[in-house]
Amino acid sequence: MKARVHVMLKNGVLDPQGDAVRHALGTLGFDGVNGVRQGKVIDLDLADGTSEETIRDMCEKLLANTVIESYSVEIA
C-alpha cells in the first residue's frame, strides 16, 4: 500500500524558501510570478491494511509540524 503526504506551511506563516524561489525566478527572467509557497511531499510504502488513522498519527507525531504546517494524505 502506498500513501503520499503533502506538507505545506499554513497561510500566514512566512515562507523564506518560497520567497527565495520567487526572487530567483524573477532573476532568471520569469516575470509575473507574484508568490511561491514551498512544501514537501513524502511517499510512504506501507503494509497492506495500514489505516488512514495510523497515517494521520504519523503526520501528527513526526511528518508535519502541525503548529505551522498543514498536511493532506493521498492513499493509492
Protein backbone atom coordinates (compact mmCIF):
# COMPACT_ATOMS: atom_id res chain seq x y z
CA MET A 1 0.00 0.00 0.00
CA LYS A 2 1.26 3.45 -0.84
CA ALA A 3 0.43 6.82 0.67
CA ARG A 4 1.56 10.30 -0.31
CA VAL A 5 1.65 13.08 2.28
CA HIS A 6 1.71 16.73 1.16
CA VAL A 7 3.02 19.15 3.80
CA MET A 8 2.74 22.93 3.39
CA LEU A 9 3.23 25.91 5.64
CA LYS A 10 -0.08 27.27 6.91
CA ASN A 11 -1.40 30.54 5.47
CA GLY A 12 0.10 33.47 7.32
CA VAL A 13 3.36 31.68 8.12
CA LEU A 14 6.34 33.33 6.42
CA ASP A 15 7.98 31.17 3.75
CA PRO A 16 11.56 32.37 3.20
CA GLN A 17 12.34 29.46 0.84
CA GLY A 18 9.32 30.33 -1.27
CA ASP A 19 10.41 33.98 -1.36
CA ALA A 20 13.91 32.94 -2.46
CA VAL A 21 12.46 30.82 -5.28
CA ARG A 22 10.18 33.68 -6.38
CA HIS A 23 13.14 36.07 -6.43
CA ALA A 24 15.34 33.59 -8.33
CA LEU A 25 12.63 33.03 -10.94
CA GLY A 26 12.42 36.78 -11.48
CA THR A 27 16.19 36.98 -11.82
CA LEU A 28 16.04 34.26 -14.49
CA GLY A 29 13.55 36.32 -16.47
CA PHE A 30 10.30 34.62 -15.45
CA ASP A 31 8.07 37.64 -14.98
CA GLY A 32 4.65 37.52 -13.41
CA VAL A 33 5.43 35.17 -10.51
CA ASN A 34 3.77 37.01 -7.65
CA GLY A 35 4.27 34.40 -4.95
CA VAL A 36 5.68 30.95 -4.24
CA ARG A 37 4.89 28.59 -1.36
CA GLN A 38 7.28 25.69 -0.99
CA GLY A 39 6.36 22.44 0.71
CA LYS A 40 7.33 18.80 0.77
CA VAL A 41 5.96 15.51 -0.46
CA ILE A 42 6.57 12.31 1.49
CA ASP A 43 5.89 8.95 -0.18
CA LEU A 44 5.24 6.07 2.20
CA ASP A 45 5.36 2.38 1.30
CA LEU A 46 3.18 0.75 3.96
CA ALA A 47 1.96 -2.69 4.89
CA ASP A 48 -1.41 -3.57 3.36
CA GLY A 49 -4.23 -2.69 5.69
CA THR A 50 -2.49 0.26 7.36
CA SER A 51 -5.32 2.53 8.45
CA GLU A 52 -5.67 6.16 7.44
CA GLU A 53 -5.80 6.93 11.16
CA THR A 54 -2.32 5.42 11.57
CA ILE A 55 -1.01 7.54 8.70
CA ARG A 56 -2.53 10.66 10.26
CA ASP A 57 -0.86 9.74 13.57
CA MET A 58 2.46 9.57 11.70
CA CYS A 59 1.84 13.05 10.33
CA GLU A 60 0.80 14.50 13.68
CA LYS A 61 3.76 12.98 15.56
CA LEU A 62 6.61 13.33 13.05
CA LEU A 63 5.99 14.21 9.42
CA ALA A 64 4.39 17.64 9.91
CA ASN A 65 4.86 20.36 12.48
CA THR A 66 1.17 21.00 12.94
CA VAL A 67 1.78 24.30 14.71
CA ILE A 68 2.96 25.90 11.45
CA GLU A 69 2.23 23.27 8.77
CA SER A 70 -0.85 21.62 7.33
CA TYR A 71 -0.90 18.28 5.56
CA SER A 72 -3.05 16.15 3.32
CA VAL A 73 -2.90 12.41 2.63
CA GLU A 74 -3.50 10.52 -0.62
CA ILE A 75 -3.81 6.75 -0.43
CA ALA A 76 -3.11 4.72 -3.56
